[in-house]
C-alpha atoms as a PDB file:
ATOM      1  CA  MET A   1       0.306   0.333  -0.113  1.00  0.00           C
ATOM      2  CA  LYS A   2       1.436   3.694  -0.883  1.00  0.00           C
ATOM      3  CA  LYS A   3       1.627   6.460   2.157  1.00  0.00           C
ATOM      4  CA  GLU A   4       1.315   9.973   0.109  1.00  0.00           C
ATOM      5  CA  LEU A   5       1.817  12.871   2.797  1.00  0.00           C
ATOM      6  CA  LEU A   6       0.454  16.713   2.296  1.00  0.00           C
ATOM      7  CA  VAL A   7       1.169  19.812   4.082  1.00  0.00           C
ATOM      8  CA  PHE A   8      -1.133  22.095   3.853  1.00  0.00           C
ATOM      9  CA  GLY A   9       0.733  25.848   5.373  1.00  0.00           C
ATOM     10  CA  ALA A  10       3.890  24.242   5.112  1.00  0.00           C
ATOM     11  CA  GLY A  11       5.451  28.444   4.625  1.00  0.00           C
ATOM     12  CA  GLY A  12       4.797  28.660   8.246  1.00  0.00           C
ATOM     13  CA  ALA A  13       7.227  28.051  10.755  1.00  0.00           C
ATOM     14  CA  LEU A  14       4.892  24.916  12.163  1.00  0.00           C
ATOM     15  CA  GLY A  15       4.240  23.975   8.649  1.00  0.00           C
ATOM     16  CA  LYS A  16       7.955  24.495   7.735  1.00  0.00           C
ATOM     17  CA  GLY A  17       9.076  22.441  10.899  1.00  0.00           C
ATOM     18  CA  VAL A  18       6.157  19.339  10.023  1.00  0.00           C
ATOM     19  CA  SER A  19       7.041  19.022   6.600  1.00  0.00           C
ATOM     20  CA  GLY A  20      11.011  18.521   7.535  1.00  0.00           C
ATOM     21  CA  VAL A  21      10.782  15.967   9.640  1.00  0.00           C
ATOM     22  CA  LEU A  22       7.595  13.615   7.689  1.00  0.00           C
ATOM     23  CA  SER A  23       9.680  14.278   3.601  1.00  0.00           C
ATOM     24  CA  LYS A  24      11.965  12.427   5.333  1.00  0.00           C
ATOM     25  CA  LYS A  25       9.674   9.250   7.057  1.00  0.00           C
ATOM     26  CA  ASP A  26       8.331   6.253   5.198  1.00  0.00           C
ATOM     27  CA  TYR A  27       5.804   8.630   3.043  1.00  0.00           C
ATOM     28  CA  ASP A  28       6.713   7.342  -1.028  1.00  0.00           C
ATOM     29  CA  LYS A  29       5.507  10.973  -1.524  1.00  0.00           C
ATOM     30  CA  VAL A  30       4.675  14.626  -0.232  1.00  0.00           C
ATOM     31  CA  TYR A  31       3.037  17.253  -1.501  1.00  0.00           C
ATOM     32  CA  LEU A  32       3.256  21.095  -0.327  1.00  0.00           C
ATOM     33  CA  PHE A  33       0.688  23.186   0.527  1.00  0.00           C
ATOM     34  CA  ASN A  34       1.208  27.428   1.024  1.00  0.00           C
ATOM     35  CA  SER A  35      -0.497  30.113  -0.317  1.00  0.00           C
ATOM     36  CA  SER A  36       2.356  31.726  -1.506  1.00  0.00           C
ATOM     37  CA  PRO A  37       6.121  30.609  -1.901  1.00  0.00           C
ATOM     38  CA  PHE A  38       8.611  29.774   0.117  1.00  0.00           C
ATOM     39  CA  ALA A  39      12.321  28.187   0.010  1.00  0.00           C
ATOM     40  CA  TYR A  40      12.188  24.175   1.346  1.00  0.00           C
ATOM     41  CA  ASP A  41      14.330  21.607   0.979  1.00  0.00           C
ATOM     42  CA  GLU A  42      13.650  19.123  -2.201  1.00  0.00           C
ATOM     43  CA  ASN A  43      14.236  16.088  -2.905  1.00  0.00           C
ATOM     44  CA  VAL A  44      12.512  13.472  -5.576  1.00  0.00           C
ATOM     45  CA  LYS A  45       9.863  12.215  -3.353  1.00  0.00           C
ATOM     46  CA  THR A  46       8.561  16.587  -2.680  1.00  0.00           C
ATOM     47  CA  SER A  47       6.174  18.316  -5.023  1.00  0.00           C
ATOM     48  CA  CYS A  48       5.074  22.024  -4.153  1.00  0.00           C
ATOM     49  CA  ILE A  49       2.725  23.612  -4.886  1.00  0.00           C
ATOM     50  CA  ILE A  50       0.659  27.312  -4.729  1.00  0.00           C
ATOM     51  CA  THR A  51      -2.619  27.754  -3.708  1.00  0.00           C
ATOM     52  CA  GLY A  52      -2.842  31.276  -3.578  1.00  0.00           C
ATOM     53  CA  ASP A  53      -6.024  32.460  -0.516  1.00  0.00           C
ATOM     54  CA  LEU A  54      -7.516  29.000   1.116  1.00  0.00           C
ATOM     55  CA  THR A  55     -10.838  31.473   2.168  1.00  0.00           C
ATOM     56  CA  ASN A  56     -11.609  30.784  -0.702  1.00  0.00           C
ATOM     57  CA  GLU A  57     -12.812  27.132  -2.513  1.00  0.00           C
ATOM     58  CA  VAL A  58     -11.798  27.720  -5.755  1.00  0.00           C
ATOM     59  CA  ASN A  59      -8.166  27.609  -4.365  1.00  0.00           C
ATOM     60  CA  ILE A  60      -8.653  23.905  -2.452  1.00  0.00           C
ATOM     61  CA  GLU A  61     -10.578  22.858  -5.458  1.00  0.00           C
ATOM     62  CA  LYS A  62      -7.709  23.590  -7.631  1.00  0.00           C
ATOM     63  CA  ALA A  63      -5.134  22.332  -4.990  1.00  0.00           C
ATOM     64  CA  PHE A  64      -6.139  19.415  -4.214  1.00  0.00           C
ATOM     65  CA  ALA A  65      -6.322  18.328  -7.512  1.00  0.00           C
ATOM     66  CA  ALA A  66      -3.275  17.033  -8.207  1.00  0.00           C
ATOM     67  CA  VAL A  67      -3.520  14.384  -5.360  1.00  0.00           C
ATOM     68  CA  LYS A  68      -4.910  11.486  -7.173  1.00  0.00           C
ATOM     69  CA  PRO A  69      -6.669   8.362  -5.505  1.00  0.00           C
ATOM     70  CA  ALA A  70      -6.032   5.424  -5.667  1.00  0.00           C
ATOM     71  CA  LYS A  71      -7.612   1.833  -4.066  1.00  0.00           C
ATOM     72  CA  ASP A  72      -3.948   1.312  -3.600  1.00  0.00           C
ATOM     73  CA  LYS A  73      -3.359   4.039  -1.432  1.00  0.00           C
ATOM     74  CA  ILE A  74      -3.702   6.266   1.329  1.00  0.00           C
ATOM     75  CA  PHE A  75      -3.666   9.951   2.268  1.00  0.00           C
ATOM     76  CA  PHE A  76      -1.955  11.542   5.296  1.00  0.00           C
ATOM     77  CA  LEU A  77      -2.933  15.544   5.383  1.00  0.00           C
ATOM     78  CA  PHE A  78      -1.581  17.830   8.634  1.00  0.00           C
ATOM     79  CA  ASP A  79      -2.773  20.825   8.422  1.00  0.00           C
ATOM     80  CA  ALA A  80       0.001  23.927   9.558  1.00  0.00           C
ATOM     81  CA  VAL A  81      -3.731  26.778   8.672  1.00  0.00           C
ATOM     82  CA  GLY A  82      -3.978  29.457  10.647  1.00  0.00           C
ATOM     83  CA  GLY A  83      -3.045  32.143  12.825  1.00  0.00           C
ATOM     84  CA  TYR A  84      -3.703  34.568  16.130  1.00  0.00           C
ATOM     85  CA  SER A  85      -5.595  37.501  16.718  1.00  0.00           C
ATOM     86  CA  GLY A  86      -5.444  38.199  21.022  1.00  0.00           C
ATOM     87  CA  GLY A  87      -4.773  40.402  24.044  1.00  0.00           C
ATOM     88  CA  LYS A  88      -8.246  42.841  23.463  1.00  0.00           C
ATOM     89  CA  ASN A  89     -11.185  41.897  25.571  1.00  0.00           C
ATOM     90  CA  ILE A  90     -14.235  41.385  24.038  1.00  0.00           C
ATOM     91  CA  SER A  91     -16.294  45.016  24.600  1.00  0.00           C
ATOM     92  CA  GLU A  92     -12.432  45.841  22.699  1.00  0.00           C
ATOM     93  CA  THR A  93     -12.372  43.380  19.959  1.00  0.00           C
ATOM     94  CA  ASP A  94     -13.437  44.329  16.451  1.00  0.00           C
ATOM     95  CA  ALA A  95     -15.761  41.988  14.856  1.00  0.00           C
ATOM     96  CA  ALA A  96     -13.509  41.979  11.650  1.00  0.00           C
ATOM     97  CA  ASP A  97     -11.357  40.598  14.165  1.00  0.00           C
ATOM     98  CA  TRP A  98     -13.998  38.088  14.926  1.00  0.00           C
ATOM     99  CA  ASP A  99     -14.202  37.082  11.591  1.00  0.00           C
ATOM    100  CA  LYS A 100     -11.195  36.895  10.426  1.00  0.00           C
ATOM    101  CA  MET A 101     -10.057  34.380  13.342  1.00  0.00           C
ATOM    102  CA  PHE A 102     -12.477  31.774  12.429  1.00  0.00           C
ATOM    103  CA  SER A 103     -11.762  32.419   8.376  1.00  0.00           C
ATOM    104  CA  MET A 104      -8.197  31.424   9.017  1.00  0.00           C
ATOM    105  CA  ASN A 105      -9.093  29.229  11.606  1.00  0.00           C
ATOM    106  CA  LEU A 106     -12.339  27.652  10.758  1.00  0.00           C
ATOM    107  CA  LYS A 107     -13.287  27.912   7.295  1.00  0.00           C
ATOM    108  CA  THR A 108     -10.202  26.555   6.147  1.00  0.00           C
ATOM    109  CA  SER A 109     -10.224  23.540   7.696  1.00  0.00           C
ATOM    110  CA  PHE A 110     -13.063  22.903   7.086  1.00  0.00           C
ATOM    111  CA  LEU A 111     -12.471  23.072   3.182  1.00  0.00           C
ATOM    112  CA  ILE A 112      -9.852  21.243   3.728  1.00  0.00           C
ATOM    113  CA  ALA A 113     -11.077  18.047   5.463  1.00  0.00           C
ATOM    114  CA  LYS A 114     -14.240  18.744   2.620  1.00  0.00           C
ATOM    115  CA  HIS A 115     -11.978  18.054  -0.040  1.00  0.00           C
ATOM    116  CA  PHE A 116      -9.629  15.861   0.890  1.00  0.00           C
ATOM    117  CA  MET A 117     -12.119  13.468   2.662  1.00  0.00           C
ATOM    118  CA  ASN A 118     -13.777  13.356  -0.839  1.00  0.00           C
ATOM    119  CA  LEU A 119      -9.870  11.938  -2.391  1.00  0.00           C
ATOM    120  CA  VAL A 120     -10.292   9.515   0.955  1.00  0.00           C
ATOM    121  CA  LYS A 121     -13.309   8.090  -0.374  1.00  0.00           C
ATOM    122  CA  GLY A 122     -11.836   7.520  -4.152  1.00  0.00           C
ATOM    123  CA  SER A 123      -8.506   5.558  -1.678  1.00  0.00           C
ATOM    124  CA  ALA A 124      -8.247   2.611   0.522  1.00  0.00           C
ATOM    125  CA  GLY A 125      -8.592   5.035   3.451  1.00  0.00           C
ATOM    126  CA  GLY A 126      -6.581   7.859   5.227  1.00  0.00           C
ATOM    127  CA  SER A 127      -6.149  10.657   8.445  1.00  0.00           C
ATOM    128  CA  ILE A 128      -6.378  14.172   9.091  1.00  0.00           C
ATOM    129  CA  LEU A 129      -4.490  16.061  11.627  1.00  0.00           C
ATOM    130  CA  PHE A 130      -5.495  19.665  12.531  1.00  0.00           C
ATOM    131  CA  THR A 131      -3.391  22.629  14.474  1.00  0.00           C
ATOM    132  CA  ALA A 132      -6.014  23.575  17.378  1.00  0.00           C
ATOM    133  CA  ALA A 133      -4.889  25.679  20.309  1.00  0.00           C
ATOM    134  CA  TYR A 134      -4.597  24.501  24.093  1.00  0.00           C
ATOM    135  CA  THR A 135      -6.973  27.572  25.265  1.00  0.00           C
ATOM    136  CA  GLY A 136      -9.381  26.423  22.791  1.00  0.00           C
ATOM    137  CA  VAL A 137     -10.388  24.055  24.765  1.00  0.00           C
ATOM    138  CA  ASN A 138      -9.199  25.843  28.570  1.00  0.00           C
ATOM    139  CA  PRO A 139      -9.840  29.738  27.954  1.00  0.00           C
ATOM    140  CA  GLU A 140      -7.897  32.787  29.194  1.00  0.00           C
ATOM    141  CA  ALA A 141      -8.648  35.963  29.108  1.00  0.00           C
ATOM    142  CA  LYS A 142      -8.506  38.065  25.995  1.00  0.00           C
ATOM    143  CA  LYS A 143      -8.302  35.829  23.555  1.00  0.00           C
ATOM    144  CA  ALA A 144     -11.542  35.152  23.162  1.00  0.00           C
ATOM    145  CA  ALA A 145     -11.718  35.325  19.533  1.00  0.00           C
ATOM    146  CA  TYR A 146      -8.639  33.136  19.336  1.00  0.00           C
ATOM    147  CA  GLY A 147     -10.179  30.726  21.444  1.00  0.00           C
ATOM    148  CA  ALA A 148     -13.485  30.821  20.271  1.00  0.00           C
ATOM    149  CA  SER A 149     -12.130  29.757  16.376  1.00  0.00           C
ATOM    150  CA  LYS A 150     -10.244  27.050  18.056  1.00  0.00           C
ATOM    151  CA  GLY A 151     -12.652  25.699  20.550  1.00  0.00           C
ATOM    152  CA  ALA A 152     -14.933  25.621  17.539  1.00  0.00           C
ATOM    153  CA  LEU A 153     -12.700  23.439  15.264  1.00  0.00           C
ATOM    154  CA  ILE A 154     -11.896  21.062  17.946  1.00  0.00           C
ATOM    155  CA  HIS A 155     -15.997  20.291  17.806  1.00  0.00           C
ATOM    156  CA  PHE A 156     -15.270  20.004  14.574  1.00  0.00           C
ATOM    157  CA  VAL A 157     -12.834  17.791  14.050  1.00  0.00           C
ATOM    158  CA  LYS A 158     -15.183  15.382  16.334  1.00  0.00           C
ATOM    159  CA  SER A 159     -17.433  15.482  14.024  1.00  0.00           C
ATOM    160  CA  LEU A 160     -15.448  14.875  10.575  1.00  0.00           C
ATOM    161  CA  ALA A 161     -14.346  11.733  13.140  1.00  0.00           C
ATOM    162  CA  LEU A 162     -17.246  10.162  13.410  1.00  0.00           C
ATOM    163  CA  GLU A 163     -18.186  10.713   9.905  1.00  0.00           C
ATOM    164  CA  GLY A 164     -15.268   9.696   8.744  1.00  0.00           C
ATOM    165  CA  LYS A 165     -15.459   5.750  10.158  1.00  0.00           C
ATOM    166  CA  GLU A 166     -17.667   5.651   6.422  1.00  0.00           C
ATOM    167  CA  PHE A 167     -14.637   5.891   4.497  1.00  0.00           C
ATOM    168  CA  LYS A 168     -12.200   5.078   6.343  1.00  0.00           C
ATOM    169  CA  LEU A 169     -11.123   8.175   7.517  1.00  0.00           C
ATOM    170  CA  SER A 170      -9.934   9.381  10.776  1.00  0.00           C
ATOM    171  CA  ALA A 171      -9.173  13.147  12.429  1.00  0.00           C
ATOM    172  CA  ASN A 172      -8.076  14.373  15.538  1.00  0.00           C
ATOM    173  CA  ALA A 173      -5.686  17.874  16.710  1.00  0.00           C
ATOM    174  CA  VAL A 174      -2.839  18.648  18.499  1.00  0.00           C
ATOM    175  CA  ALA A 175      -3.279  22.202  20.993  1.00  0.00           C
ATOM    176  CA  PRO A 176      -1.067  23.116  21.663  1.00  0.00           C
ATOM    177  CA  PHE A 177       0.197  26.135  24.629  1.00  0.00           C
ATOM    178  CA  ILE A 178       3.416  27.702  22.590  1.00  0.00           C
ATOM    179  CA  ILE A 179       5.248  26.241  20.371  1.00  0.00           C
ATOM    180  CA  ASP A 180       9.208  26.755  20.025  1.00  0.00           C
ATOM    181  CA  THR A 181       8.701  29.620  16.507  1.00  0.00           C
ATOM    182  CA  PRO A 182      10.790  32.830  15.923  1.00  0.00           C
ATOM    183  CA  ALA A 183       8.174  35.135  16.077  1.00  0.00           C
ATOM    184  CA  ASN A 184       6.972  33.442  19.153  1.00  0.00           C
ATOM    185  CA  ARG A 185      10.717  34.376  21.082  1.00  0.00           C
ATOM    186  CA  GLU A 186      10.579  37.416  20.013  1.00  0.00           C
ATOM    187  CA  TRP A 187       6.790  37.792  21.623  1.00  0.00           C
ATOM    188  CA  MET A 188       7.615  36.018  24.703  1.00  0.00           C
ATOM    189  CA  LYS A 189      12.061  36.840  25.088  1.00  0.00           C
ATOM    190  CA  SER A 190      11.896  34.065  27.554  1.00  0.00           C
ATOM    191  CA  GLY A 191      11.058  30.445  28.930  1.00  0.00           C
ATOM    192  CA  TYR A 192      12.181  29.022  25.473  1.00  0.00           C
ATOM    193  CA  ASP A 193      13.235  25.365  27.251  1.00  0.00           C
ATOM    194  CA  SER A 194      10.252  24.673  28.358  1.00  0.00           C
ATOM    195  CA  TRP A 195       7.815  25.133  24.568  1.00  0.00           C
ATOM    196  CA  ILE A 196       7.146  22.539  22.194  1.00  0.00           C
ATOM    197  CA  LYS A 197       9.266  22.383  19.074  1.00  0.00           C
ATOM    198  CA  PRO A 198       7.721  22.100  15.646  1.00  0.00           C
ATOM    199  CA  GLU A 199       9.699  19.060  15.246  1.00  0.00           C
ATOM    200  CA  GLU A 200       8.655  17.361  17.828  1.00  0.00           C
ATOM    201  CA  ILE A 201       4.703  17.874  16.593  1.00  0.00           C
ATOM    202  CA  ALA A 202       6.207  16.168  13.625  1.00  0.00           C
ATOM    203  CA  GLU A 203       8.003  13.207  15.329  1.00  0.00           C
ATOM    204  CA  LEU A 204       3.544  12.851  16.940  1.00  0.00           C
ATOM    205  CA  VAL A 205       1.869  13.191  13.772  1.00  0.00           C
ATOM    206  CA  HIS A 206       3.327  10.317  12.985  1.00  0.00           C
ATOM    207  CA  GLY A 207       2.657   8.375  15.200  1.00  0.00           C
ATOM    208  CA  ILE A 208      -0.523   9.270  15.455  1.00  0.00           C
ATOM    209  CA  PHE A 209      -0.376   8.575  11.326  1.00  0.00           C
ATOM    210  CA  ASN A 210       1.148   5.209  12.007  1.00  0.00           C
ATOM    211  CA  ASN A 211      -1.716   4.149  13.948  1.00  0.00           C
ATOM    212  CA  PHE A 212      -4.548   5.614  11.300  1.00  0.00           C
ATOM    213  CA  ASN A 213      -6.434   2.941  11.654  1.00  0.00           C
ATOM    214  CA  PHE A 214      -7.604   3.334  15.915  1.00  0.00           C
ATOM    215  CA  VAL A 215      -7.127   7.176  16.826  1.00  0.00           C
ATOM    216  CA  SER A 216      -9.076   9.457  15.977  1.00  0.00           C
ATOM    217  CA  GLY A 217     -11.343  12.017  17.425  1.00  0.00           C
ATOM    218  CA  ASN A 218      -8.242  13.282  20.421  1.00  0.00           C
ATOM    219  CA  ILE A 219      -8.060  16.611  20.817  1.00  0.00           C
ATOM    220  CA  ILE A 220      -3.476  16.312  22.761  1.00  0.00           C
ATOM    221  CA  GLN A 221      -3.284  19.275  24.650  1.00  0.00           C
ATOM    222  CA  LEU A 222       0.724  20.176  24.537  1.00  0.00           C
ATOM    223  CA  THR A 223       1.319  22.304  27.476  1.00  0.00           C
ATOM    224  CA  GLU A 224       4.953  23.006  28.918  1.00  0.00           C
ATOM    225  CA  ARG A 225       8.289  19.668  28.425  1.00  0.00           C
ATOM    226  CA  PHE A 226       9.660  18.535  31.573  1.00  0.00           C
ATOM    227  CA  LYS A 227      13.596  18.189  31.055  1.00  0.00           C
ATOM    228  CA  ILE A 228      14.273  14.561  31.819  1.00  0.00           C
ATOM    229  CA  ASP A 229      18.311  14.678  32.545  1.00  0.00           C
END
């Protein structure tokens, strides 16, 4: 059985870290999708596809047209698409910011999942893993728009896991508290040793994909790491 991997949001800090690790695993083909051009490690089994705005379903359809279903293939998809907005309480939050969070963090995931499900229907099975957030499970002050959009994504993932059983499709999500990225280091300035690294998330994702036929509907919270001497 052939294994093919799709990574959406492959040009961001998380997407680059995850795709860099997973492209070296035992996948027969790797597709990297991003809204704009980005630098990546080229190898013989990797295709890079520039999608444009992923809130536009036409662009999603074009992206998936590059991937061909087959009954001898299993497909795996990691979704790193999303955005963050915070620092304001609810009374200060603009409706435009609220809409932006739901568009970036929920609509894109819905569209990706919709077309991935259709891809899996024509194949031997598949698994999709989303990037939720710790605050989507555990609300925090001044993050209402972001947290609510990720909370809605969590509900969506669980619904998808139920519906996916019919097509041998599993769905899960990771919910990090904070990821070790250049942007977060600039924002926080300290505490890096306890943060989860994109490459570590990649190894977790690969483990879930390796057991996709019985791991589904889970939201895996990733908080602070502890040091092992």
